[in-house]
Amino acid sequence: MSYSVQNPTLPLAVYREVAVHLTQVDGVQTRLTPQTSQQFEYTLSQIESLEIEFSNPNDSQARSQVEKILAYYGDRFGAWTILSDLKTR
């Protein structure tokens, strides 16, 4: 099960920090998707989205920890947008 989130103004370094922080949760893997826009915009992120994948879709503790981590960074850098809802792989 996985889903993607985005914060269009989040710097690359912070995206990487969030991704590493999330992978410290057992059963969670992340993938950063690079920006696909052909035009450079200084105020926009170099990352298009962060995909979060759960190895065990029924692990409510892992999902709760991920939500807390995203909330922490969201409070500091702005709200996340969910690009794709939970899906099974």
C-alpha atoms as a PDB file:
ATOM      1  CA  MET A   1       0.000   0.000   0.000  1.00  0.00           C
ATOM      2  CA  SER A   2       1.361   3.421  -0.882  1.00  0.00           C
ATOM      3  CA  TYR A   3       0.447   7.039  -1.440  1.00  0.00           C
ATOM      4  CA  SER A   4       2.158  10.219  -2.607  1.00  0.00           C
ATOM      5  CA  VAL A   5       2.339  13.607  -0.930  1.00  0.00           C
ATOM      6  CA  GLN A   6       3.630  16.958  -2.075  1.00  0.00           C
ATOM      7  CA  ASN A   7       4.657  20.320  -0.702  1.00  0.00           C
ATOM      8  CA  PRO A   8       5.487  22.474  -3.746  1.00  0.00           C
ATOM      9  CA  THR A   9       7.758  24.902  -1.871  1.00  0.00           C
ATOM     10  CA  LEU A  10       9.661  22.403   0.286  1.00  0.00           C
ATOM     11  CA  PRO A  11      13.434  22.499  -0.342  1.00  0.00           C
ATOM     12  CA  LEU A  12      15.218  19.406  -1.651  1.00  0.00           C
ATOM     13  CA  ALA A  13      17.214  18.978   1.572  1.00  0.00           C
ATOM     14  CA  VAL A  14      14.046  18.938   3.676  1.00  0.00           C
ATOM     15  CA  TYR A  15      12.378  16.417   1.342  1.00  0.00           C
ATOM     16  CA  ARG A  16      15.423  14.189   1.803  1.00  0.00           C
ATOM     17  CA  GLU A  17      15.270  14.646   5.573  1.00  0.00           C
ATOM     18  CA  VAL A  18      11.570  13.721   5.624  1.00  0.00           C
ATOM     19  CA  ALA A  19      12.222  10.655   3.450  1.00  0.00           C
ATOM     20  CA  VAL A  20      15.000   9.429   5.748  1.00  0.00           C
ATOM     21  CA  HIS A  21      12.919  10.147   8.844  1.00  0.00           C
ATOM     22  CA  LEU A  22      10.014   8.127   7.420  1.00  0.00           C
ATOM     23  CA  THR A  23      12.210   5.136   6.531  1.00  0.00           C
ATOM     24  CA  GLN A  24      13.149   4.860  10.203  1.00  0.00           C
ATOM     25  CA  VAL A  25       9.596   3.599  10.766  1.00  0.00           C
ATOM     26  CA  ASP A  26       9.552  -0.206  10.469  1.00  0.00           C
ATOM     27  CA  GLY A  27       7.948  -1.363   7.232  1.00  0.00           C
ATOM     28  CA  VAL A  28       8.041   2.035   5.497  1.00  0.00           C
ATOM     29  CA  GLN A  29       9.923   2.834   2.302  1.00  0.00           C
ATOM     30  CA  THR A  30      10.027   6.142   0.457  1.00  0.00           C
ATOM     31  CA  ARG A  31      10.798   7.359  -3.034  1.00  0.00           C
ATOM     32  CA  LEU A  32      11.387  10.945  -4.179  1.00  0.00           C
ATOM     33  CA  THR A  33      10.026  11.882  -7.606  1.00  0.00           C
ATOM     34  CA  PRO A  34      12.008  14.667  -9.308  1.00  0.00           C
ATOM     35  CA  GLN A  35      10.249  17.749 -10.639  1.00  0.00           C
ATOM     36  CA  THR A  36       9.148  17.254 -14.263  1.00  0.00           C
ATOM     37  CA  SER A  37       8.486  20.879 -15.137  1.00  0.00           C
ATOM     38  CA  GLN A  38      10.639  22.172 -17.986  1.00  0.00           C
ATOM     39  CA  GLN A  39      10.649  25.701 -16.583  1.00  0.00           C
ATOM     40  CA  PHE A  40      12.783  26.542 -13.581  1.00  0.00           C
ATOM     41  CA  GLU A  41      10.988  28.442 -10.851  1.00  0.00           C
ATOM     42  CA  TYR A  42      13.186  29.488  -7.939  1.00  0.00           C
ATOM     43  CA  THR A  43      10.347  29.364  -5.397  1.00  0.00           C
ATOM     44  CA  LEU A  44       9.269  25.817  -6.290  1.00  0.00           C
ATOM     45  CA  SER A  45      10.746  22.561  -5.047  1.00  0.00           C
ATOM     46  CA  GLN A  46      13.082  20.383  -7.094  1.00  0.00           C
ATOM     47  CA  ILE A  47      10.959  17.431  -5.979  1.00  0.00           C
ATOM     48  CA  GLU A  48       7.509  16.763  -7.399  1.00  0.00           C
ATOM     49  CA  SER A  49       6.357  14.275  -4.777  1.00  0.00           C
ATOM     50  CA  LEU A  50       7.275  11.875  -2.010  1.00  0.00           C
ATOM     51  CA  GLU A  51       5.892   8.357  -2.311  1.00  0.00           C
ATOM     52  CA  ILE A  52       5.380   6.493   0.939  1.00  0.00           C
ATOM     53  CA  GLU A  53       5.016   2.723   0.808  1.00  0.00           C
ATOM     54  CA  PHE A  54       3.955   0.406   3.634  1.00  0.00           C
ATOM     55  CA  SER A  55       5.112  -3.221   3.526  1.00  0.00           C
ATOM     56  CA  ASN A  56       2.218  -4.186   5.821  1.00  0.00           C
ATOM     57  CA  PRO A  57      -0.958  -2.255   4.920  1.00  0.00           C
ATOM     58  CA  ASN A  58      -2.612  -3.317   8.198  1.00  0.00           C
ATOM     59  CA  ASP A  59       0.087  -1.831  10.447  1.00  0.00           C
ATOM     60  CA  SER A  60      -1.828   1.015  12.072  1.00  0.00           C
ATOM     61  CA  GLN A  61       1.130   1.919  14.291  1.00  0.00           C
ATOM     62  CA  ALA A  62       3.364   2.567  11.258  1.00  0.00           C
ATOM     63  CA  ARG A  63       0.651   4.642   9.575  1.00  0.00           C
ATOM     64  CA  SER A  64       0.185   6.646  12.772  1.00  0.00           C
ATOM     65  CA  GLN A  65       3.923   7.325  13.047  1.00  0.00           C
ATOM     66  CA  VAL A  66       4.059   8.429   9.400  1.00  0.00           C
ATOM     67  CA  GLU A  67       1.130  10.796   9.956  1.00  0.00           C
ATOM     68  CA  LYS A  68       2.876  12.303  12.996  1.00  0.00           C
ATOM     69  CA  ILE A  69       6.122  12.818  11.077  1.00  0.00           C
ATOM     70  CA  LEU A  70       4.301  14.452   8.165  1.00  0.00           C
ATOM     71  CA  ALA A  71       2.378  16.656  10.613  1.00  0.00           C
ATOM     72  CA  TYR A  72       5.639  17.738  12.262  1.00  0.00           C
ATOM     73  CA  TYR A  73       7.155  18.870   8.962  1.00  0.00           C
ATOM     74  CA  GLY A  74       3.828  20.264   7.791  1.00  0.00           C
ATOM     75  CA  ASP A  75       3.660  22.515  10.858  1.00  0.00           C
ATOM     76  CA  ARG A  76       7.084  23.920  10.059  1.00  0.00           C
ATOM     77  CA  PHE A  77       7.083  24.095   6.254  1.00  0.00           C
ATOM     78  CA  GLY A  78       3.448  24.194   5.170  1.00  0.00           C
ATOM     79  CA  ALA A  79       0.686  21.693   4.560  1.00  0.00           C
ATOM     80  CA  TRP A  80       1.134  18.540   2.514  1.00  0.00           C
ATOM     81  CA  THR A  81      -1.092  17.790  -0.446  1.00  0.00           C
ATOM     82  CA  ILE A  82      -2.053  14.152  -0.983  1.00  0.00           C
ATOM     83  CA  LEU A  83      -1.572  13.421  -4.683  1.00  0.00           C
ATOM     84  CA  SER A  84      -2.699   9.817  -4.700  1.00  0.00           C
ATOM     85  CA  ASP A  85      -4.687   8.008  -2.067  1.00  0.00           C
ATOM     86  CA  LEU A  86      -3.691   4.749  -0.488  1.00  0.00           C
ATOM     87  CA  LYS A  87      -3.366   2.009  -3.053  1.00  0.00           C
ATOM     88  CA  THR A  88      -2.266  -1.583  -2.993  1.00  0.00           C
ATOM     89  CA  ARG A  89       0.795  -2.563  -4.960  1.00  0.00           C
END
